[in-house]
N, C-alpha and C. Protein backbone atom coordinates (compact mmCIF):
# COMPACT_ATOMS: atom_id res chain seq x y z
N MET A 1 113.96 108.62 147.04
CA MET A 1 113.12 107.72 147.81
C MET A 1 112.97 108.26 149.22
N ASN A 2 111.76 108.28 149.71
CA ASN A 2 111.48 108.84 151.02
C ASN A 2 111.71 107.86 152.15
N GLU A 3 111.45 106.59 151.92
CA GLU A 3 111.59 105.62 152.99
C GLU A 3 113.04 105.20 153.14
N LYS A 4 113.32 104.57 154.26
CA LYS A 4 114.67 104.11 154.54
C LYS A 4 115.09 103.07 153.50
N GLN A 5 116.32 103.20 153.00
CA GLN A 5 116.82 102.28 151.99
C GLN A 5 117.21 100.95 152.62
N ASP A 6 116.79 99.86 151.96
CA ASP A 6 117.24 98.55 152.41
C ASP A 6 118.48 98.15 151.62
N ILE A 7 118.99 96.98 151.87
CA ILE A 7 120.21 96.53 151.21
C ILE A 7 120.05 96.46 149.70
N PHE A 8 118.86 96.10 149.22
CA PHE A 8 118.63 95.99 147.78
C PHE A 8 118.61 97.37 147.13
N ASP A 9 118.05 98.37 147.81
CA ASP A 9 118.08 99.74 147.31
C ASP A 9 119.53 100.23 147.19
N ARG A 10 120.34 99.93 148.19
CA ARG A 10 121.74 100.35 148.18
C ARG A 10 122.50 99.66 147.05
N ILE A 11 122.23 98.37 146.83
CA ILE A 11 122.89 97.66 145.73
C ILE A 11 122.50 98.27 144.39
N MET A 12 121.23 98.57 144.23
CA MET A 12 120.75 99.14 142.96
C MET A 12 121.25 100.56 142.73
N SER A 13 121.77 101.21 143.75
CA SER A 13 122.32 102.55 143.56
C SER A 13 123.79 102.51 143.15
N TRP A 14 124.37 101.31 143.07
CA TRP A 14 125.75 101.19 142.58
C TRP A 14 125.80 101.71 141.15
N ARG A 15 126.89 102.33 140.81
CA ARG A 15 127.03 102.95 139.49
C ARG A 15 126.76 101.98 138.35
N ILE A 16 127.22 100.77 138.47
CA ILE A 16 127.05 99.76 137.42
C ILE A 16 125.58 99.37 137.22
N LEU A 17 124.76 99.54 138.26
CA LEU A 17 123.35 99.16 138.18
C LEU A 17 122.40 100.35 138.06
N LYS A 18 122.93 101.56 138.07
CA LYS A 18 122.10 102.78 138.05
C LYS A 18 121.10 102.80 136.90
N ARG A 19 121.48 102.29 135.74
CA ARG A 19 120.59 102.33 134.57
C ARG A 19 119.34 101.46 134.78
N LEU A 20 119.45 100.45 135.63
CA LEU A 20 118.32 99.56 135.90
C LEU A 20 117.43 100.05 137.03
N GLN A 21 117.85 101.10 137.71
CA GLN A 21 117.13 101.57 138.89
C GLN A 21 115.67 101.94 138.63
N PRO A 22 115.32 102.63 137.52
CA PRO A 22 113.89 102.93 137.30
C PRO A 22 113.05 101.65 137.19
N PHE A 23 113.55 100.65 136.50
CA PHE A 23 112.84 99.37 136.38
C PHE A 23 112.72 98.72 137.76
N TYR A 24 113.82 98.72 138.51
CA TYR A 24 113.83 98.15 139.86
C TYR A 24 112.81 98.85 140.75
N LEU A 25 112.80 100.17 140.74
CA LEU A 25 111.88 100.91 141.60
C LEU A 25 110.43 100.67 141.21
N ARG A 26 110.17 100.53 139.93
CA ARG A 26 108.79 100.30 139.47
C ARG A 26 108.29 98.91 139.86
N PHE A 27 109.18 97.91 139.79
CA PHE A 27 108.79 96.52 140.03
C PHE A 27 109.50 95.89 141.23
N LYS A 28 109.87 96.71 142.18
CA LYS A 28 110.66 96.24 143.32
C LYS A 28 109.99 95.07 144.05
N GLU A 29 108.72 95.20 144.38
CA GLU A 29 108.04 94.15 145.12
C GLU A 29 108.06 92.83 144.35
N GLN A 30 107.74 92.87 143.08
CA GLN A 30 107.71 91.65 142.27
C GLN A 30 109.11 91.06 142.11
N LEU A 31 110.11 91.92 141.90
CA LEU A 31 111.49 91.43 141.74
C LEU A 31 112.00 90.77 143.03
N LEU A 32 111.72 91.42 144.15
CA LEU A 32 112.15 90.84 145.42
C LEU A 32 111.39 89.55 145.72
N TYR A 33 110.10 89.52 145.36
CA TYR A 33 109.34 88.29 145.55
C TYR A 33 109.92 87.17 144.70
N LEU A 34 110.26 87.47 143.44
CA LEU A 34 110.87 86.45 142.59
C LEU A 34 112.23 86.01 143.13
N PHE A 35 113.02 86.94 143.64
CA PHE A 35 114.32 86.60 144.20
C PHE A 35 114.18 85.67 145.40
N PHE A 36 113.36 86.09 146.37
CA PHE A 36 113.20 85.26 147.57
C PHE A 36 112.36 84.02 147.30
N GLY A 37 111.41 84.12 146.37
CA GLY A 37 110.67 82.94 145.95
C GLY A 37 111.61 81.93 145.29
N GLY A 38 112.54 82.45 144.50
CA GLY A 38 113.54 81.58 143.88
C GLY A 38 114.42 80.90 144.92
N LEU A 39 114.85 81.66 145.93
CA LEU A 39 115.65 81.06 147.01
C LEU A 39 114.84 80.01 147.77
N THR A 40 113.58 80.32 148.04
CA THR A 40 112.71 79.37 148.73
C THR A 40 112.51 78.11 147.90
N THR A 41 112.34 78.29 146.59
CA THR A 41 112.17 77.15 145.69
C THR A 41 113.43 76.30 145.66
N LEU A 42 114.59 76.93 145.55
CA LEU A 42 115.85 76.17 145.57
C LEU A 42 116.02 75.42 146.89
N LEU A 43 115.67 76.08 147.99
CA LEU A 43 115.75 75.43 149.29
C LEU A 43 114.81 74.23 149.34
N SER A 44 113.58 74.42 148.84
CA SER A 44 112.60 73.35 148.84
C SER A 44 113.05 72.16 147.98
N ILE A 45 113.52 72.45 146.78
CA ILE A 45 113.97 71.37 145.89
C ILE A 45 115.21 70.69 146.45
N GLY A 46 116.13 71.47 146.99
CA GLY A 46 117.34 70.89 147.58
C GLY A 46 117.03 69.99 148.78
N LEU A 47 116.17 70.47 149.66
CA LEU A 47 115.78 69.65 150.81
C LEU A 47 115.00 68.42 150.37
N PHE A 48 114.12 68.59 149.38
CA PHE A 48 113.34 67.47 148.85
C PHE A 48 114.28 66.40 148.30
N TRP A 49 115.27 66.82 147.52
CA TRP A 49 116.26 65.88 146.98
C TRP A 49 116.98 65.17 148.14
N LEU A 50 117.43 65.95 149.10
CA LEU A 50 118.15 65.39 150.24
C LEU A 50 117.31 64.35 150.97
N PHE A 51 116.07 64.69 151.26
CA PHE A 51 115.20 63.78 152.01
C PHE A 51 114.80 62.54 151.21
N THR A 52 114.50 62.72 149.90
CA THR A 52 114.01 61.57 149.12
C THR A 52 115.14 60.74 148.54
N LYS A 53 116.12 61.37 147.95
CA LYS A 53 117.20 60.62 147.26
C LYS A 53 118.30 60.19 148.22
N PHE A 54 118.65 61.03 149.16
CA PHE A 54 119.76 60.73 150.06
C PHE A 54 119.30 59.91 151.27
N PHE A 55 118.18 60.35 151.89
CA PHE A 55 117.68 59.65 153.07
C PHE A 55 116.60 58.62 152.75
N GLY A 56 116.10 58.60 151.51
CA GLY A 56 115.12 57.61 151.10
C GLY A 56 113.72 57.79 151.68
N MET A 57 113.37 59.02 152.03
CA MET A 57 112.04 59.27 152.61
C MET A 57 110.96 59.20 151.54
N ASN A 58 109.75 58.93 151.95
CA ASN A 58 108.58 59.00 151.09
C ASN A 58 108.45 60.44 150.60
N ALA A 59 108.15 60.61 149.30
CA ALA A 59 108.11 61.94 148.69
C ALA A 59 107.08 62.86 149.35
N LEU A 60 105.92 62.35 149.69
CA LEU A 60 104.89 63.20 150.27
C LEU A 60 105.27 63.67 151.67
N TRP A 61 105.87 62.78 152.48
CA TRP A 61 106.31 63.17 153.82
C TRP A 61 107.49 64.13 153.73
N ALA A 62 108.41 63.85 152.82
CA ALA A 62 109.55 64.75 152.63
C ALA A 62 109.07 66.14 152.25
N ASN A 63 108.05 66.21 151.40
CA ASN A 63 107.52 67.49 150.97
C ASN A 63 106.91 68.27 152.12
N VAL A 64 106.25 67.60 153.04
CA VAL A 64 105.66 68.28 154.20
C VAL A 64 106.76 68.88 155.07
N ILE A 65 107.83 68.14 155.30
CA ILE A 65 108.95 68.66 156.10
C ILE A 65 109.59 69.85 155.39
N CYS A 66 109.79 69.73 154.08
CA CYS A 66 110.33 70.85 153.29
C CYS A 66 109.42 72.07 153.42
N TRP A 67 108.13 71.82 153.35
CA TRP A 67 107.15 72.90 153.42
C TRP A 67 107.28 73.68 154.72
N ILE A 68 107.37 72.99 155.83
CA ILE A 68 107.48 73.65 157.14
C ILE A 68 108.71 74.56 157.18
N ILE A 69 109.85 74.04 156.76
CA ILE A 69 111.10 74.81 156.77
C ILE A 69 111.00 76.00 155.81
N CYS A 70 110.49 75.75 154.62
CA CYS A 70 110.45 76.79 153.59
C CYS A 70 109.42 77.87 153.87
N VAL A 71 108.32 77.51 154.47
CA VAL A 71 107.31 78.53 154.80
C VAL A 71 107.86 79.46 155.89
N ALA A 72 108.57 78.91 156.84
CA ALA A 72 109.19 79.77 157.87
C ALA A 72 110.20 80.73 157.22
N PHE A 73 111.03 80.22 156.33
CA PHE A 73 111.99 81.05 155.60
C PHE A 73 111.27 82.11 154.78
N ALA A 74 110.23 81.71 154.06
CA ALA A 74 109.48 82.64 153.20
C ALA A 74 108.79 83.72 154.02
N TYR A 75 108.23 83.36 155.17
CA TYR A 75 107.55 84.36 156.00
C TYR A 75 108.54 85.45 156.42
N VAL A 76 109.70 85.03 156.90
CA VAL A 76 110.69 86.00 157.37
C VAL A 76 111.14 86.91 156.22
N THR A 77 111.46 86.33 155.07
CA THR A 77 111.95 87.14 153.95
C THR A 77 110.84 88.02 153.37
N ASN A 78 109.63 87.50 153.27
CA ASN A 78 108.52 88.29 152.74
C ASN A 78 108.19 89.45 153.67
N ARG A 79 108.17 89.17 154.95
CA ARG A 79 107.83 90.20 155.93
C ARG A 79 108.92 91.26 156.00
N THR A 80 110.17 90.84 155.89
CA THR A 80 111.30 91.75 156.05
C THR A 80 111.57 92.59 154.81
N TRP A 81 111.55 91.97 153.62
CA TRP A 81 112.00 92.68 152.42
C TRP A 81 110.97 92.87 151.32
N VAL A 82 110.02 91.98 151.16
CA VAL A 82 109.16 92.02 149.97
C VAL A 82 107.98 92.96 150.15
N PHE A 83 107.13 92.69 151.12
CA PHE A 83 105.89 93.45 151.29
C PHE A 83 106.09 94.51 152.37
N LYS A 84 105.77 95.74 152.05
CA LYS A 84 106.02 96.85 152.98
C LYS A 84 104.96 96.97 154.06
N ASP A 85 103.77 96.48 153.83
CA ASP A 85 102.71 96.57 154.82
C ASP A 85 102.94 95.50 155.88
N LYS A 86 103.36 95.92 157.05
CA LYS A 86 103.70 94.96 158.10
C LYS A 86 102.79 95.13 159.30
N ALA A 87 102.47 94.02 159.90
CA ALA A 87 101.69 94.07 161.14
C ALA A 87 102.56 94.60 162.26
N HIS A 88 101.93 95.23 163.22
CA HIS A 88 102.65 95.77 164.37
C HIS A 88 102.10 95.16 165.64
N GLY A 89 102.95 95.06 166.62
CA GLY A 89 102.56 94.49 167.89
C GLY A 89 102.53 92.96 167.81
N VAL A 90 102.59 92.35 168.95
CA VAL A 90 102.64 90.89 169.02
C VAL A 90 101.39 90.27 168.39
N ARG A 91 100.23 90.80 168.74
CA ARG A 91 98.97 90.26 168.19
C ARG A 91 98.93 90.35 166.67
N GLY A 92 99.34 91.49 166.15
CA GLY A 92 99.33 91.70 164.71
C GLY A 92 100.27 90.75 163.99
N VAL A 93 101.46 90.58 164.55
CA VAL A 93 102.44 89.68 163.93
C VAL A 93 101.95 88.23 164.00
N ILE A 94 101.40 87.83 165.12
CA ILE A 94 100.87 86.46 165.25
C ILE A 94 99.74 86.24 164.24
N ARG A 95 98.85 87.20 164.13
CA ARG A 95 97.75 87.09 163.16
C ARG A 95 98.29 86.99 161.73
N GLU A 96 99.26 87.83 161.41
CA GLU A 96 99.86 87.83 160.08
C GLU A 96 100.57 86.50 159.80
N CYS A 97 101.30 86.00 160.78
CA CYS A 97 102.02 84.74 160.64
C CYS A 97 101.05 83.57 160.43
N ILE A 98 99.98 83.56 161.19
CA ILE A 98 98.97 82.49 161.04
C ILE A 98 98.34 82.57 159.66
N ALA A 99 97.99 83.79 159.22
CA ALA A 99 97.41 83.95 157.88
C ALA A 99 98.39 83.48 156.81
N PHE A 100 99.65 83.76 156.99
CA PHE A 100 100.68 83.34 156.04
C PHE A 100 100.75 81.81 155.96
N PHE A 101 100.82 81.16 157.13
CA PHE A 101 100.91 79.70 157.16
C PHE A 101 99.63 79.05 156.63
N VAL A 102 98.47 79.60 156.97
CA VAL A 102 97.20 79.04 156.48
C VAL A 102 97.11 79.18 154.96
N GLY A 103 97.51 80.34 154.44
CA GLY A 103 97.53 80.54 152.99
C GLY A 103 98.46 79.57 152.31
N ARG A 104 99.60 79.36 152.90
CA ARG A 104 100.57 78.42 152.34
C ARG A 104 100.08 76.97 152.46
N LEU A 105 99.23 76.72 153.43
CA LEU A 105 98.65 75.38 153.56
C LEU A 105 97.83 75.04 152.32
N GLY A 106 97.15 76.02 151.77
CA GLY A 106 96.39 75.81 150.54
C GLY A 106 97.28 75.39 149.39
N THR A 107 98.44 76.06 149.24
CA THR A 107 99.33 75.67 148.15
C THR A 107 100.08 74.38 148.46
N LEU A 108 100.22 74.04 149.74
CA LEU A 108 100.79 72.73 150.09
C LEU A 108 99.86 71.62 149.61
N ILE A 109 98.56 71.80 149.81
CA ILE A 109 97.59 70.80 149.36
C ILE A 109 97.66 70.65 147.84
N LEU A 110 97.74 71.78 147.13
CA LEU A 110 97.89 71.75 145.68
C LEU A 110 99.18 71.00 145.29
N GLU A 111 100.27 71.32 145.96
CA GLU A 111 101.56 70.68 145.66
C GLU A 111 101.53 69.18 145.95
N GLU A 112 100.95 68.80 147.06
CA GLU A 112 100.84 67.38 147.40
C GLU A 112 100.02 66.64 146.35
N LEU A 113 98.95 67.27 145.89
CA LEU A 113 98.11 66.66 144.85
C LEU A 113 98.90 66.47 143.55
N VAL A 114 99.64 67.51 143.15
CA VAL A 114 100.46 67.41 141.93
C VAL A 114 101.52 66.33 142.10
N LEU A 115 102.16 66.26 143.26
CA LEU A 115 103.17 65.23 143.51
C LEU A 115 102.55 63.83 143.44
N TRP A 116 101.42 63.67 144.09
CA TRP A 116 100.76 62.36 144.11
C TRP A 116 100.37 61.93 142.70
N LEU A 117 99.76 62.87 141.96
CA LEU A 117 99.35 62.55 140.58
C LEU A 117 100.56 62.23 139.71
N GLY A 118 101.59 63.08 139.78
CA GLY A 118 102.75 62.90 138.92
C GLY A 118 103.57 61.67 139.24
N ILE A 119 103.77 61.42 140.53
CA ILE A 119 104.61 60.30 140.95
C ILE A 119 103.84 58.99 140.95
N SER A 120 102.71 58.97 141.63
CA SER A 120 101.96 57.72 141.82
C SER A 120 101.18 57.28 140.59
N LEU A 121 100.51 58.22 139.96
CA LEU A 121 99.65 57.85 138.83
C LEU A 121 100.36 57.89 137.48
N LEU A 122 101.23 58.88 137.30
CA LEU A 122 101.89 59.04 135.99
C LEU A 122 103.31 58.49 135.96
N SER A 123 103.84 58.09 137.11
CA SER A 123 105.19 57.50 137.23
C SER A 123 106.29 58.41 136.69
N ILE A 124 106.15 59.71 136.93
CA ILE A 124 107.18 60.68 136.54
C ILE A 124 108.17 60.79 137.70
N ASP A 125 109.44 61.02 137.40
CA ASP A 125 110.46 61.18 138.44
C ASP A 125 110.03 62.24 139.44
N SER A 126 110.20 61.95 140.71
CA SER A 126 109.71 62.83 141.78
C SER A 126 110.31 64.22 141.72
N LEU A 127 111.58 64.33 141.37
CA LEU A 127 112.22 65.64 141.32
C LEU A 127 111.65 66.50 140.19
N ILE A 128 111.35 65.89 139.06
CA ILE A 128 110.73 66.62 137.94
C ILE A 128 109.34 67.11 138.34
N VAL A 129 108.56 66.25 138.98
CA VAL A 129 107.22 66.64 139.42
C VAL A 129 107.32 67.75 140.46
N LYS A 130 108.28 67.67 141.35
CA LYS A 130 108.49 68.70 142.38
C LYS A 130 108.75 70.05 141.73
N ILE A 131 109.58 70.08 140.71
CA ILE A 131 109.90 71.34 140.02
C ILE A 131 108.65 71.91 139.35
N ILE A 132 107.89 71.07 138.70
CA ILE A 132 106.64 71.51 138.06
C ILE A 132 105.67 72.07 139.11
N ALA A 133 105.55 71.37 140.21
CA ALA A 133 104.65 71.81 141.28
C ALA A 133 105.08 73.15 141.85
N GLN A 134 106.39 73.39 141.91
CA GLN A 134 106.90 74.63 142.47
C GLN A 134 106.46 75.85 141.67
N VAL A 135 106.35 75.71 140.36
CA VAL A 135 105.88 76.82 139.53
C VAL A 135 104.47 77.23 139.94
N LEU A 136 103.60 76.24 140.10
CA LEU A 136 102.22 76.54 140.53
C LEU A 136 102.20 77.14 141.93
N VAL A 137 103.05 76.63 142.80
CA VAL A 137 103.11 77.10 144.18
C VAL A 137 103.57 78.56 144.25
N ILE A 138 104.58 78.92 143.48
CA ILE A 138 105.09 80.29 143.50
C ILE A 138 103.99 81.27 143.10
N ILE A 139 103.27 80.95 142.04
CA ILE A 139 102.18 81.83 141.59
C ILE A 139 101.10 81.94 142.66
N GLY A 140 100.67 80.80 143.18
CA GLY A 140 99.63 80.80 144.22
C GLY A 140 100.06 81.54 145.47
N ASN A 141 101.30 81.35 145.88
CA ASN A 141 101.79 82.00 147.09
C ASN A 141 101.86 83.52 146.94
N TYR A 142 102.22 83.99 145.75
CA TYR A 142 102.27 85.45 145.55
C TYR A 142 100.87 86.05 145.68
N VAL A 143 99.92 85.42 145.04
CA VAL A 143 98.54 85.91 145.09
C VAL A 143 98.04 85.93 146.54
N ILE A 144 98.27 84.85 147.26
CA ILE A 144 97.82 84.78 148.65
C ILE A 144 98.51 85.83 149.51
N SER A 145 99.83 85.97 149.36
CA SER A 145 100.57 86.94 150.17
C SER A 145 100.16 88.37 149.85
N LYS A 146 100.06 88.69 148.58
CA LYS A 146 99.76 90.06 148.16
C LYS A 146 98.33 90.47 148.52
N TRP A 147 97.37 89.59 148.29
CA TRP A 147 95.97 89.98 148.44
C TRP A 147 95.35 89.65 149.78
N PHE A 148 95.96 88.73 150.53
CA PHE A 148 95.33 88.33 151.79
C PHE A 148 96.20 88.53 153.03
N VAL A 149 97.49 88.24 152.94
CA VAL A 149 98.32 88.29 154.14
C VAL A 149 98.92 89.68 154.36
N PHE A 150 99.61 90.20 153.36
CA PHE A 150 100.29 91.48 153.50
C PHE A 150 99.56 92.57 152.75
N LYS A 151 98.24 92.47 152.68
CA LYS A 151 97.44 93.43 151.92
C LYS A 151 97.56 94.82 152.53
N GLU A 152 97.43 95.79 151.64
CA GLU A 152 97.47 97.17 152.09
C GLU A 152 96.16 97.50 152.81
N LYS A 153 96.26 98.32 153.81
CA LYS A 153 95.05 98.74 154.53
C LYS A 153 94.28 99.69 153.63
N ARG A 154 93.00 99.45 153.51
CA ARG A 154 92.18 100.28 152.63
C ARG A 154 91.34 101.22 153.44
């Protein structure tokens, strides 16, 4: 590998994981996205549970607060480890960050709609609906991040 190794590259070079290295190198971006997307999803579901079940917040408001926290977490992890094309300079980073948040706003609207439909209209448990919504959000967020926010310069 020509570029500087990150922590995940070093872990994958461990003798016990060496056999998986070709697969890892071929699908590194997708694997790291799934890893950090999974962490973001767990954070979102955990915070959602905390806000709705423990603090008794309205599900839609709780979801918006979760979204703000999780999008900040996702931006940092996506920018740092997942997508290699990074903006440079303050202006570039601000533009990239705004694009990231605006893109995520689209999937927030989708998630809020799924939550409203599932909880209010179909009377499904809010946590179950949240988990279902997260699947759609992960897919949408990857497409937005890959093709619009962290796109390669052509």
